[in-house]
PDB file of N, CA and C in Angstrom:
ATOM      1  N   ASP A   1     -11.177 -97.436   4.622  1.00  0.00           N
ATOM      2  CA  ASP A   1     -11.268 -97.202   3.193  1.00  0.00           C
ATOM      3  C   ASP A   1     -12.279 -96.100   2.877  1.00  0.00           C
ATOM      4  N   ALA A   2     -13.460 -96.155   3.472  1.00  0.00           N
ATOM      5  CA  ALA A   2     -14.478 -95.145   3.182  1.00  0.00           C
ATOM      6  C   ALA A   2     -14.112 -93.789   3.764  1.00  0.00           C
ATOM      7  N   ILE A   3     -13.467 -93.791   4.931  1.00  0.00           N
ATOM      8  CA  ILE A   3     -13.079 -92.530   5.573  1.00  0.00           C
ATOM      9  C   ILE A   3     -11.731 -92.063   5.047  1.00  0.00           C
ATOM     10  N   GLY A   4     -10.830 -92.961   4.900  1.00  0.00           N
ATOM     11  CA  GLY A   4      -9.493 -92.631   4.431  1.00  0.00           C
ATOM     12  C   GLY A   4      -8.521 -93.697   4.899  1.00  0.00           C
ATOM     13  N   GLY A   5      -7.295 -93.541   4.561  1.00  0.00           N
ATOM     14  CA  GLY A   5      -6.275 -94.535   4.875  1.00  0.00           C
ATOM     15  C   GLY A   5      -6.128 -94.855   6.347  1.00  0.00           C
ATOM     16  N   GLY A   6      -6.389 -93.895   7.201  1.00  0.00           N
ATOM     17  CA  GLY A   6      -6.251 -94.109   8.641  1.00  0.00           C
ATOM     18  C   GLY A   6      -7.515 -94.589   9.312  1.00  0.00           C
ATOM     19  N   GLY A   7      -8.590 -94.731   8.549  1.00  0.00           N
ATOM     20  CA  GLY A   7      -9.851 -95.197   9.115  1.00  0.00           C
ATOM     21  C   GLY A   7     -10.372 -94.254  10.180  1.00  0.00           C
ATOM     22  N   LEU A   8     -11.023 -94.832  11.180  1.00  0.00           N
ATOM     23  CA  LEU A   8     -11.610 -94.028  12.251  1.00  0.00           C
ATOM     24  C   LEU A   8     -10.563 -93.226  13.022  1.00  0.00           C
ATOM     25  N   HIS A   9      -9.319 -93.670  12.990  1.00  0.00           N
ATOM     26  CA  HIS A   9      -8.255 -92.946  13.701  1.00  0.00           C
ATOM     27  C   HIS A   9      -8.040 -91.546  13.121  1.00  0.00           C
ATOM     28  N   GLU A  10      -8.451 -91.328  11.880  1.00  0.00           N
ATOM     29  CA  GLU A  10      -8.342 -89.995  11.279  1.00  0.00           C
ATOM     30  C   GLU A  10      -9.262 -88.985  11.969  1.00  0.00           C
ATOM     31  N   LEU A  11     -10.257 -89.477  12.691  1.00  0.00           N
ATOM     32  CA  LEU A  11     -11.219 -88.605  13.360  1.00  0.00           C
ATOM     33  C   LEU A  11     -10.764 -88.208  14.761  1.00  0.00           C
ATOM     34  N   TYR A  12      -9.782 -88.897  15.294  1.00  0.00           N
ATOM     35  CA  TYR A  12      -9.342 -88.718  16.677  1.00  0.00           C
ATOM     36  C   TYR A  12      -8.940 -87.276  16.959  1.00  0.00           C
ATOM     37  N   ASP A  13      -9.432 -86.756  18.082  1.00  0.00           N
ATOM     38  CA  ASP A  13      -9.116 -85.412  18.581  1.00  0.00           C
ATOM     39  C   ASP A  13      -9.702 -84.277  17.747  1.00  0.00           C
ATOM     40  N   LYS A  14     -10.598 -84.584  16.844  1.00  0.00           N
ATOM     41  CA  LYS A  14     -11.256 -83.542  16.071  1.00  0.00           C
ATOM     42  C   LYS A  14     -12.618 -83.247  16.700  1.00  0.00           C
ATOM     43  N   LYS A  15     -13.112 -82.029  16.475  1.00  0.00           N
ATOM     44  CA  LYS A  15     -14.462 -81.692  16.936  1.00  0.00           C
ATOM     45  C   LYS A  15     -15.477 -82.428  16.064  1.00  0.00           C
ATOM     46  N   ALA A  16     -16.572 -82.791  16.686  1.00  0.00           N
ATOM     47  CA  ALA A  16     -17.619 -83.513  15.973  1.00  0.00           C
ATOM     48  C   ALA A  16     -18.050 -82.769  14.712  1.00  0.00           C
ATOM     49  N   VAL A  17     -18.201 -81.458  14.824  1.00  0.00           N
ATOM     50  CA  VAL A  17     -18.642 -80.666  13.668  1.00  0.00           C
ATOM     51  C   VAL A  17     -17.661 -80.795  12.497  1.00  0.00           C
ATOM     52  N   GLU A  18     -16.384 -81.024  12.783  1.00  0.00           N
ATOM     53  CA  GLU A  18     -15.381 -81.173  11.731  1.00  0.00           C
ATOM     54  C   GLU A  18     -15.492 -82.501  11.001  1.00  0.00           C
ATOM     55  N   VAL A  19     -15.941 -83.543  11.691  1.00  0.00           N
ATOM     56  CA  VAL A  19     -15.963 -84.869  11.087  1.00  0.00           C
ATOM     57  C   VAL A  19     -17.298 -85.208  10.431  1.00  0.00           C
ATOM     58  N   ILE A  20     -18.309 -84.385  10.651  1.00  0.00           N
ATOM     59  CA  ILE A  20     -19.624 -84.657  10.053  1.00  0.00           C
ATOM     60  C   ILE A  20     -19.519 -84.817   8.533  1.00  0.00           C
ATOM     61  N   PRO A  21     -18.845 -83.921   7.815  1.00  0.00           N
ATOM     62  CA  PRO A  21     -18.741 -84.114   6.358  1.00  0.00           C
ATOM     63  C   PRO A  21     -17.989 -85.400   5.984  1.00  0.00           C
ATOM     64  N   MET A  22     -16.977 -85.746   6.750  1.00  0.00           N
ATOM     65  CA  MET A  22     -16.230 -86.974   6.481  1.00  0.00           C
ATOM     66  C   MET A  22     -17.128 -88.196   6.661  1.00  0.00           C
ATOM     67  N   LEU A  23     -17.929 -88.177   7.718  1.00  0.00           N
ATOM     68  CA  LEU A  23     -18.830 -89.294   7.975  1.00  0.00           C
ATOM     69  C   LEU A  23     -19.920 -89.369   6.914  1.00  0.00           C
ATOM     70  N   GLU A  24     -20.469 -88.225   6.531  1.00  0.00           N
ATOM     71  CA  GLU A  24     -21.477 -88.213   5.470  1.00  0.00           C
ATOM     72  C   GLU A  24     -20.917 -88.822   4.194  1.00  0.00           C
ATOM     73  N   ASN A  25     -19.712 -88.442   3.846  1.00  0.00           N
ATOM     74  CA  ASN A  25     -19.059 -88.960   2.648  1.00  0.00           C
ATOM     75  C   ASN A  25     -18.837 -90.473   2.746  1.00  0.00           C
ATOM     76  N   ALA A  26     -18.348 -90.920   3.888  1.00  0.00           N
ATOM     77  CA  ALA A  26     -18.080 -92.348   4.071  1.00  0.00           C
ATOM     78  C   ALA A  26     -19.367 -93.166   4.005  1.00  0.00           C
ATOM     79  N   ILE A  27     -20.410 -92.687   4.651  1.00  0.00           N
ATOM     80  CA  ILE A  27     -21.697 -93.393   4.642  1.00  0.00           C
ATOM     81  C   ILE A  27     -22.240 -93.462   3.221  1.00  0.00           C
ATOM     82  N   THR A  28     -22.175 -92.363   2.496  1.00  0.00           N
ATOM     83  CA  THR A  28     -22.649 -92.339   1.111  1.00  0.00           C
ATOM     84  C   THR A  28     -21.858 -93.316   0.252  1.00  0.00           C
ATOM     85  N   LYS A  29     -20.530 -93.308   0.384  1.00  0.00           N
ATOM     86  CA  LYS A  29     -19.688 -94.240  -0.378  1.00  0.00           C
ATOM     87  C   LYS A  29     -20.089 -95.685  -0.104  1.00  0.00           C
ATOM     88  N   MET A  30     -20.271 -96.000   1.161  1.00  0.00           N
ATOM     89  CA  MET A  30     -20.601 -97.377   1.518  1.00  0.00           C
ATOM     90  C   MET A  30     -21.983 -97.779   1.012  1.00  0.00           C
ATOM     91  N   LYS A  31     -22.945 -96.888   1.129  1.00  0.00           N
ATOM     92  CA  LYS A  31     -24.303 -97.203   0.675  1.00  0.00           C
ATOM     93  C   LYS A  31     -24.388 -97.298  -0.850  1.00  0.00           C
ATOM     94  N   ASN A  32     -23.600 -96.492  -1.555  1.00  0.00           N
ATOM     95  CA  ASN A  32     -23.636 -96.490  -3.014  1.00  0.00           C
ATOM     96  C   ASN A  32     -22.833 -97.625  -3.646  1.00  0.00           C
ATOM     97  N   ASN A  33     -21.987 -98.271  -2.874  1.00  0.00           N
ATOM     98  CA  ASN A  33     -21.122 -99.310  -3.424  1.00  0.00           C
ATOM     99  C   ASN A  33     -20.945-100.460  -2.430  1.00  0.00           C
ATOM    100  N   PRO A  34     -22.042-101.060  -1.955  1.00  0.00           N
ATOM    101  CA  PRO A  34     -21.922-102.098  -0.927  1.00  0.00           C
ATOM    102  C   PRO A  34     -21.083-103.295  -1.369  1.00  0.00           C
ATOM    103  N   GLU A  35     -21.143-103.643  -2.646  1.00  0.00           N
ATOM    104  CA  GLU A  35     -20.388-104.813  -3.110  1.00  0.00           C
ATOM    105  C   GLU A  35     -18.886-104.622  -2.934  1.00  0.00           C
ATOM    106  N   HIS A  36     -18.416-103.390  -3.003  1.00  0.00           N
ATOM    107  CA  HIS A  36     -16.993-103.112  -2.785  1.00  0.00           C
ATOM    108  C   HIS A  36     -16.588-103.451  -1.353  1.00  0.00           C
ATOM    109  N   TYR A  37     -17.460-103.141  -0.418  1.00  0.00           N
ATOM    110  CA  TYR A  37     -17.153-103.344   1.000  1.00  0.00           C
ATOM    111  C   TYR A  37     -17.536-104.740   1.490  1.00  0.00           C
ATOM    112  N   GLU A  38     -18.577-105.320   0.920  1.00  0.00           N
ATOM    113  CA  GLU A  38     -19.019-106.651   1.356  1.00  0.00           C
ATOM    114  C   GLU A  38     -17.975-107.723   1.074  1.00  0.00           C
ATOM    115  N   VAL A  39     -17.160-107.550   0.032  1.00  0.00           N
ATOM    116  CA  VAL A  39     -16.115-108.541  -0.250  1.00  0.00           C
ATOM    117  C   VAL A  39     -15.043-108.551   0.843  1.00  0.00           C
ATOM    118  N   MET A  40     -15.019-107.515   1.676  1.00  0.00           N
ATOM    119  CA  MET A  40     -14.065-107.450   2.781  1.00  0.00           C
ATOM    120  C   MET A  40     -14.592-108.133   4.040  1.00  0.00           C
ATOM    121  N   ASN A  41     -15.843-108.610   3.998  1.00  0.00           N
ATOM    122  CA  ASN A  41     -16.420-109.278   5.172  1.00  0.00           C
ATOM    123  C   ASN A  41     -15.561-110.486   5.557  1.00  0.00           C
ATOM    124  N   PRO A  42     -15.201-110.600   6.829  1.00  0.00           N
ATOM    125  CA  PRO A  42     -14.434-111.760   7.265  1.00  0.00           C
ATOM    126  C   PRO A  42     -15.339-112.994   7.335  1.00  0.00           C
ATOM    127  N   SER A  43     -14.750-114.151   7.189  1.00  0.00           N
ATOM    128  CA  SER A  43     -15.529-115.392   7.198  1.00  0.00           C
ATOM    129  C   SER A  43     -16.210-115.640   8.546  1.00  0.00           C
ATOM    130  N   ASN A  44     -15.650-115.097   9.631  1.00  0.00           N
ATOM    131  CA  ASN A  44     -16.257-115.321  10.949  1.00  0.00           C
ATOM    132  C   ASN A  44     -17.375-114.321  11.248  1.00  0.00           C
ATOM    133  N   LYS A  45     -17.686-113.433  10.303  1.00  0.00           N
ATOM    134  CA  LYS A  45     -18.773-112.445  10.401  1.00  0.00           C
ATOM    135  C   LYS A  45     -18.517-111.310  11.398  1.00  0.00           C
ATOM    136  N   TRP A  46     -17.336-111.245  11.981  1.00  0.00           N
ATOM    137  CA  TRP A  46     -16.995-110.158  12.909  1.00  0.00           C
ATOM    138  C   TRP A  46     -16.459-108.996  12.100  1.00  0.00           C
ATOM    139  N   GLY A  47     -17.053-107.827  12.279  1.00  0.00           N
ATOM    140  CA  GLY A  47     -16.571-106.649  11.571  1.00  0.00           C
ATOM    141  C   GLY A  47     -17.031-106.598  10.130  1.00  0.00           C
ATOM    142  N   ASN A  48     -18.279-106.958   9.876  1.00  0.00           N
ATOM    143  CA  ASN A  48     -18.763-106.998   8.507  1.00  0.00           C
ATOM    144  C   ASN A  48     -19.265-105.632   8.028  1.00  0.00           C
ATOM    145  N   TYR A  49     -19.668-105.584   6.779  1.00  0.00           N
ATOM    146  CA  TYR A  49     -20.134-104.354   6.134  1.00  0.00           C
ATOM    147  C   TYR A  49     -21.268-103.707   6.916  1.00  0.00           C
ATOM    148  N   GLU A  50     -22.290-104.480   7.252  1.00  0.00           N
ATOM    149  CA  GLU A  50     -23.449-103.932   7.955  1.00  0.00           C
ATOM    150  C   GLU A  50     -23.051-103.327   9.297  1.00  0.00           C
ATOM    151  N   GLY A  51     -22.177-104.014  10.021  1.00  0.00           N
ATOM    152  CA  GLY A  51     -21.716-103.511  11.312  1.00  0.00           C
ATOM    153  C   GLY A  51     -20.922-102.223  11.174  1.00  0.00           C
ATOM    154  N   ALA A  52     -20.043-102.187  10.183  1.00  0.00           N
ATOM    155  CA  ALA A  52     -19.223-100.984   9.968  1.00  0.00           C
ATOM    156  C   ALA A  52     -20.098 -99.794   9.577  1.00  0.00           C
ATOM    157  N   LEU A  53     -21.053-100.043   8.706  1.00  0.00           N
ATOM    158  CA  LEU A  53     -21.962 -98.976   8.300  1.00  0.00           C
ATOM    159  C   LEU A  53     -22.779 -98.486   9.490  1.00  0.00           C
ATOM    160  N   GLY A  54     -23.223 -99.402  10.326  1.00  0.00           N
ATOM    161  CA  GLY A  54     -23.972 -99.033  11.527  1.00  0.00           C
ATOM    162  C   GLY A  54     -23.159 -98.181  12.479  1.00  0.00           C
ATOM    163  N   VAL A  55     -21.895 -98.511  12.652  1.00  0.00           N
ATOM    164  CA  VAL A  55     -21.014 -97.722  13.523  1.00  0.00           C
ATOM    165  C   VAL A  55     -20.888 -96.306  12.982  1.00  0.00           C
ATOM    166  N   LEU A  56     -20.669 -96.177  11.689  1.00  0.00           N
ATOM    167  CA  LEU A  56     -20.538 -94.844  11.090  1.00  0.00           C
ATOM    168  C   LEU A  56     -21.831 -94.050  11.220  1.00  0.00           C
ATOM    169  N   GLU A  57     -22.964 -94.701  11.013  1.00  0.00           N
ATOM    170  CA  GLU A  57     -24.242 -94.005  11.121  1.00  0.00           C
ATOM    171  C   GLU A  57     -24.510 -93.557  12.558  1.00  0.00           C
ATOM    172  N   ASN A  58     -24.185 -94.398  13.526  1.00  0.00           N
ATOM    173  CA  ASN A  58     -24.368 -94.017  14.930  1.00  0.00           C
ATOM    174  C   ASN A  58     -23.436 -92.883  15.331  1.00  0.00           C
ATOM    175  N   LEU A  59     -22.199 -92.948  14.875  1.00  0.00           N
ATOM    176  CA  LEU A  59     -21.246 -91.881  15.160  1.00  0.00           C
ATOM    177  C   LEU A  59     -21.710 -90.576  14.515  1.00  0.00           C
ATOM    178  N   TYR A  60     -22.214 -90.654  13.305  1.00  0.00           N
ATOM    179  CA  TYR A  60     -22.736 -89.476  12.610  1.00  0.00           C
ATOM    180  C   TYR A  60     -23.880 -88.841  13.405  1.00  0.00           C
ATOM    181  N   LYS A  61     -24.817 -89.651  13.857  1.00  0.00           N
ATOM    182  CA  LYS A  61     -25.949 -89.138  14.645  1.00  0.00           C
ATOM    183  C   LYS A  61     -25.462 -88.475  15.928  1.00  0.00           C
ATOM    184  N   ALA A  62     -24.497 -89.102  16.594  1.00  0.00           N
ATOM    185  CA  ALA A  62     -23.963 -88.540  17.837  1.00  0.00           C
ATOM    186  C   ALA A  62     -23.262 -87.212  17.572  1.00  0.00           C
ATOM    187  N   CYS A  63     -22.530 -87.128  16.475  1.00  0.00           N
ATOM    188  CA  CYS A  63     -21.834 -85.887  16.129  1.00  0.00           C
ATOM    189  C   CYS A  63     -22.821 -84.773  15.807  1.00  0.00           C
ATOM    190  N   LYS A  64     -23.915 -85.107  15.132  1.00  0.00           N
ATOM    191  CA  LYS A  64     -24.930 -84.100  14.803  1.00  0.00           C
ATOM    192  C   LYS A  64     -25.582 -83.546  16.070  1.00  0.00           C
ATOM    193  N   LYS A  65     -25.739 -84.398  17.089  1.00  0.00           N
ATOM    194  CA  LYS A  65     -26.358 -83.973  18.349  1.00  0.00           C
ATOM    195  C   LYS A  65     -25.391 -83.213  19.244  1.00  0.00           C
ATOM    196  N   ASN A  66     -24.101 -83.499  19.123  1.00  0.00           N
ATOM    197  CA  ASN A  66     -23.084 -82.949  20.024  1.00  0.00           C
ATOM    198  C   ASN A  66     -21.937 -82.358  19.209  1.00  0.00           C
ATOM    199  N   LYS A  67     -22.191 -81.289  18.513  1.00  0.00           N
ATOM    200  CA  LYS A  67     -21.231 -80.752  17.545  1.00  0.00           C
ATOM    201  C   LYS A  67     -19.932 -80.231  18.159  1.00  0.00           C
ATOM    202  N   THR A  68     -19.927 -79.923  19.443  1.00  0.00           N
ATOM    203  CA  THR A  68     -18.692 -79.423  20.068  1.00  0.00           C
ATOM    204  C   THR A  68     -17.890 -80.536  20.742  1.00  0.00           C
ATOM    205  N   ALA A  69     -18.410 -81.750  20.715  1.00  0.00           N
ATOM    206  CA  ALA A  69     -17.700 -82.874  21.336  1.00  0.00           C
ATOM    207  C   ALA A  69     -16.390 -83.141  20.609  1.00  0.00           C
ATOM    208  N   ILE A  70     -15.425 -83.660  21.333  1.00  0.00           N
ATOM    209  CA  ILE A  70     -14.135 -84.050  20.760  1.00  0.00           C
ATOM    210  C   ILE A  70     -14.158 -85.567  20.589  1.00  0.00           C
ATOM    211  N   ILE A  71     -13.800 -86.029  19.397  1.00  0.00           N
ATOM    212  CA  ILE A  71     -13.836 -87.455  19.079  1.00  0.00           C
ATOM    213  C   ILE A  71     -12.630 -88.150  19.702  1.00  0.00           C
ATOM    214  N   LYS A  72     -12.914 -89.218  20.414  1.00  0.00           N
ATOM    215  CA  LYS A  72     -11.863 -90.067  21.020  1.00  0.00           C
ATOM    216  C   LYS A  72     -12.210 -91.502  20.676  1.00  0.00           C
ATOM    217  N   ILE A  73     -11.513 -92.074  19.735  1.00  0.00           N
ATOM    218  CA  ILE A  73     -11.729 -93.463  19.307  1.00  0.00           C
ATOM    219  C   ILE A  73     -10.445 -94.228  19.558  1.00  0.00           C
ATOM    220  N   THR A  74     -10.567 -95.288  20.322  1.00  0.00           N
ATOM    221  CA  THR A  74      -9.375 -96.095  20.616  1.00  0.00           C
ATOM    222  C   THR A  74      -9.520 -97.491  20.073  1.00  0.00           C
TER     223      THR A  74
END
């Protein structure tokens, strides 16, 4: 939802430098509207808002450090 309809799969095979703006946008959306995303938290606590935001932030940091890397998310 924060990245787009395809989620993280939209980043697949793109250079890190290309996805940095997408990740920045997604992180900002999530931080500015946590209640929108927290209602999607599953009852078993797997894959919750905090975890998803953490994944995006870690991916963003990795992309900033390795701008020529090709994203492979499976």
